[in-house]
């Protein structure tokens, strides 16, 4: 088979001859080179990095996180923190699960299957970032993460009308919103972004694939050792900690909103 670049090169050679006048006053050899360069650009388009909508990243975290909430428990219908022990259990990477499995880690497809089977609860916004005294009030304050996105999704799906003063409170609609988003599930792009982030964060400073062991097919695996490296000295991470793991250029945030607000 003849590539696009080769075809255009042949066409250019037939079309341009030394005797033919040049309307652009360039030598035929330069004209032909320009066409070849253009053809190569068409034949080999630049690779792009997979990105995912902010809502999908929220769904991924809301599936992984539980109701553990800074020494308390988050209200029904909401998630809060993500303990390492819970994450290992959810992904089948805890010691009891690994002892009965032939695999030492999860492929991206296996990771997606695990995520799809987890329930979703809209995560809470941590109340304060550095003060444990403030963070301990997160469950009581009961403010959802990314409020603007949450409100937009409610209205877009016809679950809430802000012009109706007698309608239900947005907070009370969390269970219904959770069911909708859980049914919709996660898109492939979101799985790619989250999986890649966890695997990359599980590598050591030199880039060694400690958390990304490779199978015979040279496919990255998410391992228990990698998750432990992701958490470092922490036993648990919250919504903000999860966002720090995912490169911001791989999340499509709404133009009107700043992440974490």
Protein backbone atom coordinates (compact mmCIF):
# COMPACT_ATOMS: atom_id res chain seq x y z
CA UNK A 1 0.00 0.00 0.00
CA UNK A 2 1.18 3.53 -0.79
CA UNK A 3 1.09 6.01 2.08
CA UNK A 4 -0.55 9.42 1.77
CA UNK A 5 2.85 11.12 1.93
CA UNK A 6 4.20 8.91 -0.89
CA UNK A 7 1.12 9.53 -3.06
CA UNK A 8 1.38 13.28 -2.70
CA UNK A 9 5.11 13.16 -3.41
CA UNK A 10 4.48 11.26 -6.64
CA UNK A 11 1.72 13.68 -7.60
CA UNK A 12 3.99 16.61 -6.91
CA UNK A 13 6.76 15.12 -9.05
CA UNK A 14 4.36 14.68 -11.99
CA UNK A 15 2.88 18.14 -11.62
CA UNK A 16 6.06 20.15 -11.17
CA UNK A 17 8.81 20.11 -13.76
CA UNK A 18 11.90 22.31 -14.13
CA UNK A 19 10.45 23.86 -17.28
CA UNK A 20 7.11 24.77 -15.73
CA UNK A 21 6.68 28.41 -14.68
CA UNK A 22 6.36 29.02 -10.98
CA UNK A 23 3.62 31.41 -9.92
CA UNK A 24 5.21 31.72 -6.50
CA UNK A 25 8.72 32.27 -7.92
CA UNK A 26 10.07 29.27 -5.98
CA UNK A 27 12.32 26.68 -7.54
CA UNK A 28 10.47 23.43 -8.34
CA UNK A 29 12.58 21.51 -5.83
CA UNK A 30 11.45 23.83 -3.04
CA UNK A 31 7.82 23.54 -4.09
CA UNK A 32 8.07 19.75 -4.06
CA UNK A 33 9.72 19.78 -0.62
CA UNK A 34 6.90 21.91 0.74
CA UNK A 35 4.31 19.48 -0.50
CA UNK A 36 6.18 16.52 0.97
CA UNK A 37 6.41 18.23 4.38
CA UNK A 38 2.70 19.03 4.27
CA UNK A 39 1.91 15.44 3.30
CA UNK A 40 3.96 14.07 6.18
CA UNK A 41 2.06 16.35 8.58
CA UNK A 42 -1.24 14.98 7.27
CA UNK A 43 -0.07 11.38 7.36
CA UNK A 44 1.28 11.59 10.94
CA UNK A 45 -1.10 13.70 13.07
CA UNK A 46 0.20 14.68 16.52
CA UNK A 47 -0.83 12.49 19.44
CA UNK A 48 -3.25 13.96 21.97
CA UNK A 49 -3.54 13.40 25.70
CA UNK A 50 -6.80 11.88 26.91
CA UNK A 51 -8.89 14.22 29.05
CA UNK A 52 -12.12 13.79 30.99
CA UNK A 53 -14.94 16.12 32.11
CA UNK A 54 -14.70 17.33 35.71
CA UNK A 55 -18.01 15.60 36.48
CA UNK A 56 -16.49 12.24 35.57
CA UNK A 57 -13.54 12.79 37.89
CA UNK A 58 -16.03 13.60 40.67
CA UNK A 59 -17.89 10.37 39.90
CA UNK A 60 -14.66 8.36 40.03
CA UNK A 61 -13.78 9.75 43.45
CA UNK A 62 -17.36 9.42 44.70
CA UNK A 63 -17.24 5.73 43.80
CA UNK A 64 -13.92 5.07 45.49
CA UNK A 65 -14.48 7.18 48.63
CA UNK A 66 -16.54 6.08 51.61
CA UNK A 67 -18.35 7.81 54.46
CA UNK A 68 -15.33 8.01 56.77
CA UNK A 69 -15.10 11.74 57.49
CA UNK A 70 -12.33 13.09 59.73
CA UNK A 71 -13.28 11.01 62.74
CA UNK A 72 -16.97 11.15 61.96
CA UNK A 73 -19.38 9.76 59.35
CA UNK A 74 -20.69 11.73 56.39
CA UNK A 75 -24.47 12.17 55.98
CA UNK A 76 -26.38 9.53 53.97
CA UNK A 77 -26.01 10.06 50.24
CA UNK A 78 -22.54 11.59 50.52
CA UNK A 79 -18.97 10.34 50.52
CA UNK A 80 -16.02 11.99 52.22
CA UNK A 81 -12.60 10.37 52.66
CA UNK A 82 -10.78 7.48 51.00
CA UNK A 83 -8.80 5.25 53.38
CA UNK A 84 -6.00 3.23 51.81
CA UNK A 85 -7.31 0.02 53.39
CA UNK A 86 -10.75 0.59 51.83
CA UNK A 87 -9.26 1.32 48.41
CA UNK A 88 -7.15 -1.84 48.47
CA UNK A 89 -10.23 -3.87 49.41
CA UNK A 90 -12.44 -2.27 46.74
CA UNK A 91 -9.87 -2.99 44.04
CA UNK A 92 -9.12 -6.50 45.26
CA UNK A 93 -5.55 -5.54 46.18
CA UNK A 94 -5.71 -6.26 49.91
CA UNK A 95 -3.72 -9.17 51.31
CA UNK A 96 -6.70 -11.54 51.55
CA UNK A 97 -7.73 -10.91 47.94
CA UNK A 98 -4.22 -11.17 46.50
CA UNK A 99 -3.54 -14.47 48.29
CA UNK A 100 -6.31 -16.09 46.27
CA UNK A 101 -5.46 -14.42 42.96
CA UNK A 102 -2.89 -15.25 40.32
CA UNK A 103 -2.46 -11.58 39.43
CA UNK A 104 -0.42 -9.07 41.42
CA UNK A 105 -2.29 -6.05 40.09
CA UNK A 106 -5.10 -4.65 37.98
CA UNK A 107 -5.10 -3.90 34.28
CA UNK A 108 -6.98 -0.84 33.13
CA UNK A 109 -9.92 -2.97 32.02
CA UNK A 110 -10.05 -4.75 35.39
CA UNK A 111 -9.86 -1.39 37.14
CA UNK A 112 -12.86 -0.18 35.12
CA UNK A 113 -14.84 -3.29 36.02
CA UNK A 114 -14.15 -2.71 39.70
CA UNK A 115 -15.19 0.95 39.47
CA UNK A 116 -18.39 0.13 37.59
CA UNK A 117 -19.45 -2.18 40.42
CA UNK A 118 -18.99 0.44 43.15
CA UNK A 119 -21.89 2.66 44.28
CA UNK A 120 -21.59 6.42 43.81
CA UNK A 121 -22.17 9.09 46.44
CA UNK A 122 -21.49 12.76 45.77
CA UNK A 123 -18.35 13.73 47.74
CA UNK A 124 -18.27 16.45 50.39
CA UNK A 125 -16.04 19.47 50.15
CA UNK A 126 -13.42 19.38 52.94
CA UNK A 127 -14.19 22.19 55.39
CA UNK A 128 -10.74 23.75 55.57
CA UNK A 129 -7.47 22.28 54.33
CA UNK A 130 -4.87 22.50 57.09
CA UNK A 131 -6.81 22.68 60.33
CA UNK A 132 -8.05 19.36 61.70
CA UNK A 133 -10.37 21.32 63.96
CA UNK A 134 -12.11 22.73 60.90
CA UNK A 135 -11.93 19.52 58.86
CA UNK A 136 -13.72 17.65 61.63
CA UNK A 137 -16.76 19.84 60.91
CA UNK A 138 -17.00 18.68 57.27
CA UNK A 139 -19.82 16.21 57.94
CA UNK A 140 -21.80 18.78 59.95
CA UNK A 141 -21.39 21.54 57.37
CA UNK A 142 -22.46 18.99 54.73
CA UNK A 143 -21.42 21.03 51.70
CA UNK A 144 -20.91 19.07 48.51
CA UNK A 145 -17.77 19.42 46.43
CA UNK A 146 -17.98 21.51 43.25
CA UNK A 147 -21.34 23.07 44.10
CA UNK A 148 -21.72 24.87 40.77
CA UNK A 149 -21.25 21.64 38.82
CA UNK A 150 -23.71 19.86 41.10
CA UNK A 151 -26.35 22.57 40.64
CA UNK A 152 -25.90 22.62 36.87
CA UNK A 153 -26.28 18.85 36.67
CA UNK A 154 -29.47 18.97 38.78
CA UNK A 155 -31.04 21.58 36.52
CA UNK A 156 -29.83 20.00 33.29
CA UNK A 157 -31.56 16.78 34.25
CA UNK A 158 -34.75 18.54 35.36
CA UNK A 159 -34.33 17.55 39.00
CA UNK A 160 -34.25 21.10 40.34
CA UNK A 161 -35.62 24.53 39.40
CA UNK A 162 -33.98 27.42 41.23
CA UNK A 163 -36.90 29.66 40.26
CA UNK A 164 -39.27 27.55 42.33
CA UNK A 165 -39.01 28.66 45.99
CA UNK A 166 -41.18 25.77 47.18
CA UNK A 167 -39.05 23.07 45.57
CA UNK A 168 -36.79 20.62 47.45
CA UNK A 169 -33.41 21.72 48.81
CA UNK A 170 -30.52 20.78 46.49
CA UNK A 171 -28.85 18.86 49.33
CA UNK A 172 -31.93 16.66 49.68
CA UNK A 173 -31.65 15.69 46.01
CA UNK A 174 -28.29 13.99 46.43
CA UNK A 175 -29.71 10.44 46.60
CA UNK A 176 -31.62 10.97 43.36
CA UNK A 177 -28.62 12.53 41.64
CA UNK A 178 -26.44 9.67 42.88
CA UNK A 179 -28.74 7.12 41.26
CA UNK A 180 -28.66 8.96 37.93
CA UNK A 181 -24.87 9.27 37.84
CA UNK A 182 -24.34 5.72 39.05
CA UNK A 183 -26.56 4.44 36.24
CA UNK A 184 -24.70 6.53 33.65
CA UNK A 185 -21.40 5.11 34.85
CA UNK A 186 -17.89 6.15 33.94
CA UNK A 187 -16.69 6.94 30.44
CA UNK A 188 -13.59 5.24 29.06
CA UNK A 189 -11.68 8.53 29.03
CA UNK A 190 -12.31 9.07 32.75
CA UNK A 191 -11.09 5.56 33.55
CA UNK A 192 -7.95 6.23 31.49
CA UNK A 193 -7.23 9.49 33.30
CA UNK A 194 -7.73 8.12 36.83
CA UNK A 195 -5.92 4.84 36.16
CA UNK A 196 -2.95 6.62 34.59
CA UNK A 197 -2.83 9.09 37.49
CA UNK A 198 -2.74 6.33 40.11
CA UNK A 199 -0.12 4.34 38.22
CA UNK A 200 2.06 7.41 37.62
CA UNK A 201 1.81 8.50 41.25
CA UNK A 202 2.88 5.00 42.25
CA UNK A 203 6.22 5.31 40.46
CA UNK A 204 9.30 6.29 42.44
CA UNK A 205 11.26 9.53 41.94
CA UNK A 206 13.43 7.99 39.23
CA UNK A 207 10.36 6.92 37.24
CA UNK A 208 10.81 3.26 38.09
CA UNK A 209 7.54 1.40 37.74
CA UNK A 210 7.21 0.32 41.35
CA UNK A 211 3.48 0.84 41.23
CA UNK A 212 3.14 0.04 37.56
CA UNK A 213 4.40 -3.47 37.11
CA UNK A 214 4.23 -4.67 33.52
CA UNK A 215 2.65 -7.85 32.33
CA UNK A 216 3.91 -10.06 29.54
CA UNK A 217 2.04 -7.88 27.10
CA UNK A 218 3.79 -4.76 28.43
CA UNK A 219 0.53 -3.50 29.93
CA UNK A 220 0.62 -1.31 33.02
CA UNK A 221 -0.78 -2.78 36.22
CA UNK A 222 -2.04 -0.95 39.29
CA UNK A 223 -0.46 -2.74 42.23
CA UNK A 224 -0.82 -2.73 45.99
CA UNK A 225 2.74 -1.44 46.33
CA UNK A 226 1.89 1.38 43.95
CA UNK A 227 -1.14 2.43 46.00
CA UNK A 228 0.97 2.47 49.15
CA UNK A 229 3.44 4.75 47.42
CA UNK A 230 0.56 6.99 46.27
CA UNK A 231 -0.59 7.45 49.87
CA UNK A 232 2.93 7.77 51.27
CA UNK A 233 2.72 8.32 55.02
CA UNK A 234 -1.02 8.97 54.86
CA UNK A 235 -3.62 6.39 55.79
CA UNK A 236 -6.39 8.34 54.07
CA UNK A 237 -6.88 11.04 51.43
CA UNK A 238 -9.79 13.39 50.83
CA UNK A 239 -11.29 15.01 47.73
CA UNK A 240 -8.54 17.63 47.49
CA UNK A 241 -5.87 14.98 47.89
CA UNK A 242 -7.41 13.00 45.04
CA UNK A 243 -7.43 16.06 42.77
CA UNK A 244 -3.74 16.56 43.45
CA UNK A 245 -3.04 13.12 41.98
CA UNK A 246 -4.78 13.87 38.68
CA UNK A 247 -2.93 16.29 36.36
CA UNK A 248 -5.10 19.39 35.96
CA UNK A 249 -4.49 19.46 32.20
CA UNK A 250 -6.31 16.13 31.93
CA UNK A 251 -9.50 17.48 33.54
CA UNK A 252 -11.95 19.56 31.52
CA UNK A 253 -13.19 22.09 34.06
CA UNK A 254 -16.13 24.36 33.19
CA UNK A 255 -14.90 27.80 32.19
CA UNK A 256 -16.97 29.50 34.87
CA UNK A 257 -15.60 27.49 37.78
CA UNK A 258 -12.34 27.00 39.68
CA UNK A 259 -11.59 23.43 40.85
CA UNK A 260 -12.18 22.87 44.54
CA UNK A 261 -14.63 25.75 45.00
